[in-house]
Amino acid sequence: MRSIKSGKLATVLIPVIMGMGMLYSCTIQENFEYEGSNSTGELGISALSYFKNEDSFSMLSTAIELAGLDELYERSDISTYIAPTNAAFEAYLESNSYASLEDIPVPILRNVLKYHIVTDKVLFTDPELFESNFPIAYDTESGQTLFLSHNPSFVGLVNQGTSKQWEISTSNLEPTNGVIHIVNSIVYFSAASVNLDELDPSVKTDTIFPLADTYINGGADAGKNFGALNLLKVKSVTGDGDFDRKAYLMFDLNELEQEGVITDLRFQIGISFTHGKNLAMNLYQIADTTWTEMGLNWNNATPADSPPVASIITAKVDAFNFDLTDFYGKQEKPGKISLMMDGQEKGDETNDLGSKEHSSIPAPMIIATIATGESSLDLLTNSGFSVERGNSFALSKEIVEVSGASANDIIYTVEETPSFGWLISGATTLKAGDRFTQNDIDVLNLIYINNGEGSEDRLVLSARDRAGAKLDPFEITIAIL
């Protein structure tokens, strides 16, 4: 990675620093020249001492202590510190559902902080950064890349050109061991986003609709049938009461007529109303495929098989989409299938969904993505890696690489998550079923973080391209030192 050494131009600040009691708002300047604040930006103390003495960085100071990283902020080696304010940490806690800094697993907190430390001194006065019209890449203590640049109004930017960028609110503070640039957000690296559902030109789709759909209702209406209604109602309440409702649908997979390899299968159902409480909505298979739309009721309905074949989290959207790809792959041969939708147990969330009789909401449907299957993929590299206990490791193509398509067209699926840690992409902790591309690996967008336990771990992935080629699940071994 390229790095920039400290320059000897006049000190410049983004925005102007008004003495030691600085303002954390962004001021547009015509250039990076210092404009008369009578401040040199030199702090005379280490970065750690500065953060401990400033109320606006009390949470950063606490985070450093919890993560055991005092040495990185106190050391004499010159570094550049991207410094999140208290407001940045408060927003991070809320978005990740942590009640306090103490609730963040220490390995994750340590990795977050290490990404905010560039392993060289980077001032915006340096000619290469000042004059550059493009983001410049720097190494960080986490092993990932951080980009620094500025916009035409001379406001510093972090990670311009990636999926997410941030403005620097105050820049070019100089502790005795480097440089501090202040941000009002926790920053992270995320590769430029691509549409993982975008189709190869050779890929086609096929859509089928229900043979029958209805819902059943518990309690006083357990003997009633609702097949003639234009809504499918789903609501899970305590005790199979009067408002406990489940939707039933039947499809014939033989109606999928396009020739080729089914690479993706989705069940989609339109929404008339939903509370969108971010609760689980589960889709189950039903063994019985003989029920009728006008005959099914609570009393004669066949219970669902366990576990669910697909699940989503409800939200205020136009339609719910369930991934049936794995379910379809386990079918011995196409034929009739019965599906049942049920809400999160005791969630008491109202979901009114469009049936095939609805006049304005699209009918429920199963959408198949069908490719030629004529392409092929090869697993070129699968070397495994080692990581120190409680630390992190950035995956690269030296660790795992699949060939046969362009990097953004090779799509991995997480089949099994690590047992002793987390796989992180950007700010997201990946779970089974999540996807990423070869490009994410190539640009160090994936981080494994060990939780401080175990002697070995593993990650199980599968891969496909947009034209239908597939690689069966394979294991990446992780040695914990």
Protein backbone atom coordinates (compact mmCIF):
# COMPACT_ATOMS: atom_id res chain seq x y z
CA MET A 1 0.00 0.00 0.00
CA ARG A 2 1.13 3.56 -0.62
CA SER A 3 1.90 5.79 2.34
CA ILE A 4 2.63 9.48 2.78
CA LYS A 5 5.32 10.95 4.98
CA SER A 6 4.76 14.08 7.06
CA GLY A 7 5.18 17.29 5.05
CA LYS A 8 6.61 20.67 6.14
CA LEU A 9 3.96 22.93 4.66
CA ALA A 10 1.96 25.33 6.82
CA THR A 11 -0.31 23.48 9.23
CA VAL A 12 -3.79 23.03 7.82
CA LEU A 13 -6.97 21.95 9.55
CA ILE A 14 -10.30 20.57 8.35
CA PRO A 15 -12.15 22.54 9.64
CA VAL A 16 -10.23 25.33 11.41
CA ILE A 17 -9.28 24.34 14.97
CA MET A 18 -10.15 27.03 17.49
CA GLY A 19 -7.48 26.37 20.15
CA MET A 20 -7.50 23.23 22.25
CA GLY A 21 -11.25 23.41 22.86
CA MET A 22 -12.02 22.40 19.27
CA LEU A 23 -15.24 22.55 17.31
CA TYR A 24 -16.34 19.28 15.73
CA SER A 25 -18.33 20.77 12.87
CA CYS A 26 -17.24 20.90 9.26
CA THR A 27 -16.16 24.25 7.79
CA ILE A 28 -15.64 24.59 4.05
CA GLN A 29 -12.31 26.20 3.16
CA GLU A 30 -10.87 27.28 -0.17
CA ASN A 31 -7.69 25.31 0.53
CA PHE A 32 -5.83 23.48 3.28
CA GLU A 33 -3.87 26.52 4.44
CA TYR A 34 -4.18 27.48 8.10
CA GLU A 35 -6.42 30.55 8.39
CA GLY A 36 -5.47 32.48 11.48
CA SER A 37 -6.69 30.50 14.48
CA ASN A 38 -3.30 30.97 16.17
CA SER A 39 -3.13 27.18 16.63
CA THR A 40 -0.43 24.92 15.25
CA GLY A 41 -2.41 21.73 15.88
CA GLU A 42 0.46 20.35 17.97
CA LEU A 43 -0.90 18.80 21.17
CA GLY A 44 2.32 18.15 23.08
CA ILE A 45 0.99 14.86 24.51
CA SER A 46 0.42 11.33 23.18
CA ALA A 47 -2.80 10.36 21.43
CA LEU A 48 -3.86 8.27 24.42
CA SER A 49 -3.31 11.13 26.87
CA TYR A 50 -5.27 13.48 24.64
CA PHE A 51 -8.26 11.15 24.41
CA LYS A 52 -8.23 10.59 28.17
CA ASN A 53 -8.24 14.35 28.81
CA GLU A 54 -11.03 15.30 26.38
CA ASP A 55 -14.67 14.75 27.42
CA SER A 56 -15.71 14.28 23.77
CA PHE A 57 -13.57 11.13 23.61
CA SER A 58 -14.50 9.54 26.93
CA MET A 59 -16.09 6.56 25.16
CA LEU A 60 -13.06 6.11 22.89
CA SER A 61 -10.84 6.17 25.97
CA THR A 62 -13.03 3.53 27.64
CA ALA A 63 -13.06 1.41 24.47
CA ILE A 64 -9.25 1.50 24.29
CA GLU A 65 -9.03 0.33 27.90
CA LEU A 66 -11.62 -2.45 27.42
CA ALA A 67 -9.82 -3.69 24.29
CA GLY A 68 -6.42 -3.60 25.99
CA LEU A 69 -4.94 -1.39 23.28
CA ASP A 70 -3.35 1.35 25.39
CA GLU A 71 0.05 0.49 23.94
CA LEU A 72 -1.07 1.21 20.35
CA TYR A 73 -2.25 4.68 21.34
CA GLU A 74 0.69 5.44 23.64
CA ARG A 75 3.57 4.00 21.63
CA SER A 76 6.30 6.19 20.22
CA ASP A 77 5.94 4.73 16.71
CA ILE A 78 4.24 7.29 14.49
CA SER A 79 0.63 6.41 13.58
CA THR A 80 -2.47 8.13 12.26
CA TYR A 81 -5.51 7.82 14.52
CA ILE A 82 -9.03 8.10 13.12
CA ALA A 83 -10.81 9.22 16.30
CA PRO A 84 -14.55 8.55 16.73
CA THR A 85 -16.39 10.93 19.06
CA ASN A 86 -18.82 9.87 21.79
CA ALA A 87 -21.68 10.43 19.35
CA ALA A 88 -20.04 7.95 16.96
CA PHE A 89 -19.90 5.24 19.63
CA GLU A 90 -23.47 5.91 20.76
CA ALA A 91 -24.71 5.46 17.18
CA TYR A 92 -22.65 2.27 16.83
CA LEU A 93 -24.12 0.80 20.03
CA GLU A 94 -27.66 1.56 18.91
CA SER A 95 -27.27 0.19 15.39
CA ASN A 96 -25.71 -3.04 16.69
CA SER A 97 -28.13 -3.48 19.63
CA TYR A 98 -25.45 -3.18 22.33
CA ALA A 99 -26.50 -1.58 25.62
CA SER A 100 -22.98 -0.40 26.44
CA LEU A 101 -19.36 -0.66 25.36
CA GLU A 102 -18.94 -3.49 27.87
CA ASP A 103 -21.48 -5.54 25.90
CA ILE A 104 -19.35 -5.56 22.74
CA PRO A 105 -17.27 -8.76 22.56
CA VAL A 106 -13.69 -7.68 23.22
CA PRO A 107 -12.28 -9.23 20.00
CA ILE A 108 -14.83 -7.31 17.92
CA LEU A 109 -14.15 -4.06 19.78
CA ARG A 110 -10.41 -4.59 19.36
CA ASN A 111 -10.79 -5.10 15.61
CA VAL A 112 -12.98 -1.99 15.29
CA LEU A 113 -10.33 0.15 16.98
CA LYS A 114 -7.43 -1.37 15.03
CA TYR A 115 -9.13 -0.41 11.77
CA HIS A 116 -9.04 3.20 12.97
CA ILE A 117 -5.23 3.17 13.24
CA VAL A 118 -3.20 3.78 10.07
CA THR A 119 0.35 2.46 10.33
CA ASP A 120 1.99 5.70 9.11
CA LYS A 121 1.74 9.44 9.61
CA VAL A 122 -0.78 11.00 7.21
CA LEU A 123 -1.27 14.76 7.21
CA PHE A 124 -3.51 16.52 4.72
CA THR A 125 -0.69 19.02 4.18
CA ASP A 126 1.35 16.34 2.45
CA PRO A 127 1.59 17.21 -1.26
CA GLU A 128 0.63 13.75 -2.54
CA LEU A 129 -2.62 13.68 -0.57
CA PHE A 130 -3.29 17.41 -0.96
CA GLU A 131 -2.94 17.34 -4.74
CA SER A 132 -4.48 13.95 -5.39
CA ASN A 133 -7.93 13.73 -7.01
CA PHE A 134 -8.27 10.10 -6.01
CA PRO A 135 -8.45 8.21 -2.69
CA ILE A 136 -5.09 6.86 -1.50
CA ALA A 137 -4.90 3.46 0.23
CA TYR A 138 -3.21 2.95 3.60
CA ASP A 139 -2.57 -0.10 5.76
CA THR A 140 -4.27 -0.30 9.15
CA GLU A 141 -3.53 -2.29 12.29
CA SER A 142 -6.47 -4.61 11.47
CA GLY A 143 -4.84 -5.75 8.22
CA GLN A 144 -7.50 -4.06 6.10
CA THR A 145 -7.22 -1.00 3.89
CA LEU A 146 -8.39 2.52 4.73
CA PHE A 147 -8.65 5.23 2.03
CA LEU A 148 -8.08 8.94 2.66
CA SER A 149 -8.93 11.77 0.28
CA HIS A 150 -10.69 15.14 0.20
CA ASN A 151 -13.58 16.66 -1.71
CA PRO A 152 -13.46 19.89 -3.78
CA SER A 153 -14.39 21.90 -0.67
CA PHE A 154 -11.28 20.59 1.13
CA VAL A 155 -13.22 18.37 3.51
CA GLY A 156 -11.32 15.18 4.34
CA LEU A 157 -12.99 11.87 3.45
CA VAL A 158 -12.58 8.33 4.72
CA ASN A 159 -13.14 5.44 2.26
CA GLN A 160 -14.33 7.49 -0.69
CA GLY A 161 -15.26 5.20 -3.59
CA THR A 162 -16.27 2.22 -1.44
CA SER A 163 -19.78 1.27 -0.38
CA LYS A 164 -19.71 3.80 2.47
CA GLN A 165 -17.71 6.98 3.00
CA TRP A 166 -17.45 9.46 5.87
CA GLU A 167 -16.42 13.09 6.28
CA ILE A 168 -13.63 14.06 8.66
CA SER A 169 -14.90 16.76 11.00
CA THR A 170 -11.53 17.94 12.33
CA SER A 171 -8.14 17.03 10.91
CA ASN A 172 -4.38 17.36 11.36
CA LEU A 173 -4.15 17.37 15.15
CA GLU A 174 -0.61 16.31 16.02
CA PRO A 175 0.04 14.40 19.23
CA THR A 176 3.63 13.47 19.98
CA ASN A 177 3.19 10.07 18.33
CA GLY A 178 1.39 10.87 15.10
CA VAL A 179 -1.74 12.52 13.71
CA ILE A 180 -5.40 12.58 14.76
CA HIS A 181 -8.33 13.00 12.37
CA ILE A 182 -11.75 13.23 14.07
CA VAL A 183 -14.91 11.56 12.74
CA ASN A 184 -18.48 11.51 14.00
CA SER A 185 -19.03 7.87 12.99
CA ILE A 186 -17.39 4.50 13.47
CA VAL A 187 -15.82 3.86 10.07
CA TYR A 188 -15.27 0.53 8.33
CA PHE A 189 -14.20 -0.81 4.96
CA SER A 190 -16.78 -2.26 2.62
CA ALA A 191 -16.11 -3.10 -1.00
CA ALA A 192 -18.10 -1.24 -3.63
CA SER A 193 -21.48 -2.94 -3.66
CA VAL A 194 -22.69 -5.17 -6.47
CA ASN A 195 -26.11 -6.68 -7.05
CA LEU A 196 -25.71 -10.31 -6.06
CA ASP A 197 -29.04 -11.09 -7.73
CA GLU A 198 -28.05 -9.55 -11.07
CA LEU A 199 -28.38 -12.12 -13.81
CA ASP A 200 -25.95 -13.27 -16.44
CA PRO A 201 -27.34 -12.55 -19.97
CA SER A 202 -27.70 -16.29 -20.51
CA VAL A 203 -29.88 -16.64 -17.40
CA LYS A 204 -33.67 -16.82 -17.63
CA THR A 205 -36.46 -16.83 -15.06
CA ASP A 206 -39.64 -18.86 -14.76
CA THR A 207 -42.60 -18.12 -12.48
CA ILE A 208 -45.40 -20.33 -11.17
CA PHE A 209 -48.48 -19.48 -9.09
CA PRO A 210 -50.45 -21.35 -6.39
CA LEU A 211 -52.81 -24.18 -7.21
CA ALA A 212 -54.57 -23.26 -3.95
CA ASP A 213 -54.13 -20.77 -1.10
CA THR A 214 -56.05 -19.99 2.07
CA TYR A 215 -55.49 -19.39 5.78
CA ILE A 216 -56.71 -21.10 8.92
CA ASN A 217 -57.90 -19.42 12.12
CA GLY A 218 -57.86 -20.84 15.65
CA GLY A 219 -60.26 -20.35 18.53
CA ALA A 220 -63.92 -19.76 17.75
CA ASP A 221 -63.25 -19.86 13.99
CA ALA A 222 -61.37 -23.17 14.02
CA GLY A 223 -64.06 -24.83 11.87
CA LYS A 224 -64.36 -22.03 9.32
CA ASN A 225 -62.82 -21.88 5.86
CA PHE A 226 -61.43 -18.66 4.37
CA GLY A 227 -60.47 -19.84 0.89
CA ALA A 228 -62.73 -17.35 -0.90
CA LEU A 229 -61.08 -14.29 0.69
CA ASN A 230 -58.50 -12.16 -1.10
CA LEU A 231 -56.15 -12.08 1.90
CA LEU A 232 -53.93 -14.66 3.58
CA LYS A 233 -53.68 -13.72 7.26
CA VAL A 234 -50.76 -14.72 9.47
CA LYS A 235 -50.52 -14.00 13.19
CA SER A 236 -49.00 -16.06 16.00
CA VAL A 237 -50.59 -15.50 19.41
CA THR A 238 -50.53 -17.33 22.72
CA GLY A 239 -52.69 -20.43 23.08
CA ASP A 240 -54.12 -20.93 19.57
CA GLY A 241 -56.66 -18.20 20.29
CA ASP A 242 -59.21 -16.41 18.16
CA PHE A 243 -56.55 -14.44 16.28
CA ASP A 244 -54.00 -17.23 15.72
CA ARG A 245 -53.70 -17.53 11.92
CA LYS A 246 -51.52 -19.49 9.49
CA ALA A 247 -51.42 -19.31 5.69
CA TYR A 248 -51.37 -22.43 3.48
CA LEU A 249 -50.29 -22.53 -0.17
CA MET A 250 -49.86 -25.34 -2.71
CA PHE A 251 -47.64 -25.25 -5.81
CA ASP A 252 -46.72 -27.74 -8.55
CA LEU A 253 -43.00 -27.49 -9.30
CA ASN A 254 -43.60 -29.43 -12.55
CA GLU A 255 -45.04 -26.18 -13.90
CA LEU A 256 -41.48 -24.79 -14.13
CA GLU A 257 -40.97 -25.29 -17.87
CA GLN A 258 -37.75 -23.45 -18.75
CA GLU A 259 -34.85 -25.75 -19.63
CA GLY A 260 -31.58 -25.38 -17.75
CA VAL A 261 -30.19 -25.45 -14.22
CA ILE A 262 -32.20 -23.83 -11.42
CA THR A 263 -29.64 -21.74 -9.56
CA ASP A 264 -32.07 -19.83 -7.35
CA LEU A 265 -35.66 -20.38 -6.21
CA ARG A 266 -37.68 -17.72 -4.37
CA PHE A 267 -41.15 -17.63 -2.87
CA GLN A 268 -42.61 -14.12 -3.01
CA ILE A 269 -45.87 -12.92 -1.47
CA GLY A 270 -47.28 -9.38 -1.60
CA ILE A 271 -48.29 -7.45 1.49
CA SER A 272 -51.52 -5.61 2.20
CA PHE A 273 -50.53 -4.77 5.79
CA THR A 274 -47.78 -5.71 8.21
CA HIS A 275 -46.71 -4.37 11.57
CA GLY A 276 -43.13 -4.97 10.37
CA LYS A 277 -41.84 -5.56 13.91
CA ASN A 278 -38.58 -7.19 12.77
CA LEU A 279 -39.82 -10.58 13.94
CA ALA A 280 -39.27 -13.98 12.35
CA MET A 281 -41.66 -15.16 9.65
CA ASN A 282 -41.23 -18.88 8.99
CA LEU A 283 -42.10 -21.00 5.97
CA TYR A 284 -42.70 -24.71 6.57
CA GLN A 285 -43.33 -27.69 4.34
CA ILE A 286 -46.61 -29.59 4.82
CA ALA A 287 -46.70 -33.30 4.01
CA ASP A 288 -50.33 -33.21 2.85
CA THR A 289 -50.86 -32.11 -0.76
CA THR A 290 -54.51 -33.26 -0.98
CA TRP A 291 -56.18 -30.39 0.92
CA THR A 292 -58.49 -28.06 -0.99
CA GLU A 293 -58.76 -24.30 -0.93
CA MET A 294 -62.45 -24.35 0.02
CA GLY A 295 -62.19 -27.25 2.48
CA LEU A 296 -59.21 -26.48 4.71
CA ASN A 297 -59.73 -25.21 8.24
CA TRP A 298 -57.89 -25.18 11.58
CA ASN A 299 -59.39 -28.48 12.69
CA ASN A 300 -58.43 -30.55 9.63
CA ALA A 301 -55.15 -28.88 8.64
CA THR A 302 -51.98 -31.00 8.70
CA PRO A 303 -49.32 -29.60 11.07
CA ALA A 304 -46.06 -28.36 9.64
CA ASP A 305 -42.87 -30.36 9.39
CA SER A 306 -39.95 -29.00 11.41
CA PRO A 307 -37.70 -27.08 11.05
CA PRO A 308 -38.81 -24.29 8.67
CA VAL A 309 -37.54 -24.53 5.08
CA ALA A 310 -36.95 -20.77 5.01
CA SER A 311 -37.23 -17.76 7.30
CA ILE A 312 -37.15 -13.99 6.98
CA ILE A 313 -37.36 -11.01 9.32
CA THR A 314 -40.47 -8.91 8.84
CA ALA A 315 -40.21 -5.26 7.83
CA LYS A 316 -42.26 -2.52 6.20
CA VAL A 317 -41.83 -3.75 2.62
CA ASP A 318 -44.05 -4.44 -0.38
CA ALA A 319 -43.45 -8.20 -0.40
CA PHE A 320 -41.85 -10.95 1.65
CA ASN A 321 -39.23 -13.01 -0.19
CA PHE A 322 -38.14 -16.46 1.00
CA ASP A 323 -35.11 -18.31 -0.40
CA LEU A 324 -36.16 -21.86 -1.37
CA THR A 325 -32.96 -22.78 -3.23
CA ASP A 326 -31.65 -25.23 -0.61
CA PHE A 327 -35.13 -26.66 -0.08
CA TYR A 328 -35.52 -27.30 -3.82
CA GLY A 329 -32.10 -28.92 -4.02
CA LYS A 330 -33.17 -31.53 -1.47
CA GLN A 331 -36.29 -32.56 -3.43
CA GLU A 332 -35.92 -35.99 -5.02
CA LYS A 333 -38.08 -34.96 -7.96
CA PRO A 334 -40.34 -32.00 -8.81
CA GLY A 335 -44.00 -32.26 -7.89
CA LYS A 336 -46.67 -30.74 -5.71
CA ILE A 337 -45.53 -29.02 -2.53
CA SER A 338 -47.54 -27.57 0.34
CA LEU A 339 -46.18 -24.62 2.30
CA MET A 340 -47.38 -23.02 5.52
CA MET A 341 -46.49 -19.53 6.79
CA ASP A 342 -46.42 -18.86 10.52
CA GLY A 343 -45.24 -15.85 12.48
CA GLN A 344 -42.75 -15.77 15.33
CA GLU A 345 -44.17 -17.69 18.30
CA LYS A 346 -46.20 -15.36 20.51
CA GLY A 347 -45.04 -12.43 18.38
CA ASP A 348 -48.61 -11.11 18.06
CA GLU A 349 -47.75 -9.45 14.74
CA THR A 350 -50.50 -8.86 12.18
CA ASN A 351 -49.58 -9.76 8.59
CA ASP A 352 -52.27 -9.48 5.90
CA LEU A 353 -50.91 -10.88 2.63
CA GLY A 354 -52.35 -10.96 -0.88
CA SER A 355 -53.92 -14.24 -2.02
CA LYS A 356 -54.24 -15.27 -5.67
CA GLU A 357 -57.77 -13.79 -5.58
CA HIS A 358 -56.56 -10.27 -4.76
CA SER A 359 -57.29 -7.74 -7.53
CA SER A 360 -54.44 -5.28 -6.90
CA ILE A 361 -51.67 -7.23 -5.12
CA PRO A 362 -49.68 -9.67 -7.30
CA ALA A 363 -50.51 -13.30 -6.63
CA PRO A 364 -48.10 -15.34 -4.50
CA MET A 365 -45.45 -16.84 -6.74
CA ILE A 366 -42.38 -19.02 -6.92
CA ILE A 367 -39.67 -17.51 -9.11
CA ALA A 368 -36.92 -19.73 -10.51
CA THR A 369 -33.63 -18.42 -11.85
CA ILE A 370 -32.51 -20.79 -14.60
CA ALA A 371 -29.06 -20.76 -16.18
CA THR A 372 -27.39 -22.74 -18.93
CA GLY A 373 -24.99 -24.39 -16.51
CA GLU A 374 -22.37 -24.43 -19.26
CA SER A 375 -19.76 -22.44 -17.31
CA SER A 376 -17.43 -24.03 -14.77
CA LEU A 377 -15.65 -22.95 -11.60
CA ASP A 378 -12.39 -24.16 -10.08
CA LEU A 379 -11.16 -23.82 -6.53
CA LEU A 380 -7.63 -22.55 -7.20
CA THR A 381 -6.57 -21.81 -3.64
CA ASN A 382 -7.72 -22.99 -0.22
CA SER A 383 -4.71 -22.68 2.05
CA GLY A 384 -6.36 -22.10 5.42
CA PHE A 385 -4.83 -19.58 7.80
CA SER A 386 -3.78 -19.03 11.39
CA VAL A 387 -4.76 -16.29 13.83
CA GLU A 388 -3.65 -15.41 17.33
CA ARG A 389 -6.23 -16.12 20.02
CA GLY A 390 -8.65 -13.22 20.40
CA ASN A 391 -7.34 -11.44 17.29
CA SER A 392 -8.48 -10.99 13.71
CA PHE A 393 -7.37 -11.99 10.21
CA ALA A 394 -8.28 -10.46 6.84
CA LEU A 395 -9.00 -13.10 4.18
CA SER A 396 -7.31 -12.61 0.80
CA LYS A 397 -7.07 -14.48 -2.49
CA GLU A 398 -3.88 -16.05 -1.15
CA ILE A 399 -6.19 -17.85 1.30
CA VAL A 400 -9.13 -18.70 -0.96
CA GLU A 401 -9.65 -18.08 -4.67
CA VAL A 402 -12.14 -19.46 -7.16
CA SER A 403 -11.68 -18.98 -10.90
CA GLY A 404 -13.97 -19.31 -13.91
CA ALA A 405 -15.70 -15.91 -13.87
CA SER A 406 -14.91 -12.32 -12.95
CA ALA A 407 -14.40 -11.59 -9.25
CA ASN A 408 -17.77 -9.84 -8.83
CA ASP A 409 -19.56 -12.70 -10.62
CA ILE A 410 -18.24 -15.42 -8.28
CA ILE A 411 -20.68 -15.51 -5.38
CA TYR A 412 -19.91 -17.37 -2.15
CA THR A 413 -22.56 -18.55 0.31
CA VAL A 414 -21.76 -19.10 3.99
CA GLU A 415 -22.81 -22.69 4.67
CA GLU A 416 -21.43 -22.88 8.23
CA THR A 417 -20.21 -20.01 10.39
CA PRO A 418 -17.13 -20.33 12.63
CA SER A 419 -17.59 -21.99 16.01
CA PHE A 420 -15.06 -19.81 17.85
CA GLY A 421 -15.52 -16.40 16.32
CA TRP A 422 -17.20 -14.26 13.73
CA LEU A 423 -16.93 -13.60 10.00
CA ILE A 424 -17.35 -9.88 9.37
CA SER A 425 -18.03 -8.09 6.08
CA GLY A 426 -17.95 -4.32 6.46
CA ALA A 427 -20.03 -3.71 9.58
CA THR A 428 -22.09 -6.90 9.19
CA THR A 429 -21.58 -10.17 11.07
CA LEU A 430 -22.30 -12.86 8.49
CA LYS A 431 -24.58 -15.78 9.28
CA ALA A 432 -25.37 -19.00 7.46
CA GLY A 433 -26.95 -18.20 4.09
CA ASP A 434 -25.28 -14.80 3.69
CA ARG A 435 -23.35 -14.14 0.50
CA PHE A 436 -20.30 -12.24 -0.70
CA THR A 437 -18.08 -12.18 -3.80
CA GLN A 438 -14.55 -13.12 -4.74
CA ASN A 439 -13.93 -9.39 -5.03
CA ASP A 440 -14.76 -9.00 -1.32
CA ILE A 441 -11.96 -11.46 -0.63
CA ASP A 442 -9.56 -9.85 -3.12
CA VAL A 443 -9.88 -6.38 -1.51
CA LEU A 444 -9.67 -7.70 2.10
CA ASN A 445 -13.32 -6.97 2.87
CA LEU A 446 -13.75 -10.15 4.96
CA ILE A 447 -12.42 -10.45 8.50
CA TYR A 448 -12.36 -13.51 10.75
CA ILE A 449 -12.30 -12.55 14.45
CA ASN A 450 -11.51 -15.20 17.03
CA ASN A 451 -13.51 -15.02 20.27
CA GLY A 452 -10.53 -15.98 22.44
CA GLU A 453 -11.40 -19.67 22.56
CA GLY A 454 -10.58 -22.91 20.72
CA SER A 455 -7.43 -24.27 19.13
CA GLU A 456 -8.84 -24.68 15.65
CA ASP A 457 -11.88 -23.46 13.77
CA ARG A 458 -13.36 -23.73 10.32
CA LEU A 459 -15.49 -21.89 7.82
CA VAL A 460 -17.64 -23.74 5.27
CA LEU A 461 -18.45 -22.00 1.99
CA SER A 462 -20.00 -22.89 -1.34
CA ALA A 463 -19.67 -20.88 -4.56
CA ARG A 464 -21.52 -20.26 -7.79
CA ASP A 465 -21.39 -17.90 -10.73
CA ARG A 466 -24.22 -16.02 -12.41
CA ALA A 467 -24.42 -18.51 -15.28
CA GLY A 468 -25.21 -21.53 -13.12
CA ALA A 469 -21.85 -23.14 -12.36
CA LYS A 470 -21.51 -24.34 -8.77
CA LEU A 471 -18.88 -25.53 -6.33
CA ASP A 472 -20.02 -27.88 -3.59
CA PRO A 473 -19.39 -26.76 0.00
CA PHE A 474 -15.75 -26.77 1.03
CA GLU A 475 -13.97 -26.14 4.33
CA ILE A 476 -11.41 -23.45 5.14
CA THR A 477 -9.36 -24.48 8.18
CA ILE A 478 -8.35 -21.95 10.83
CA ALA A 479 -5.51 -22.56 13.30
CA ILE A 480 -5.84 -20.60 16.55
CA LEU A 481 -2.45 -19.88 18.10
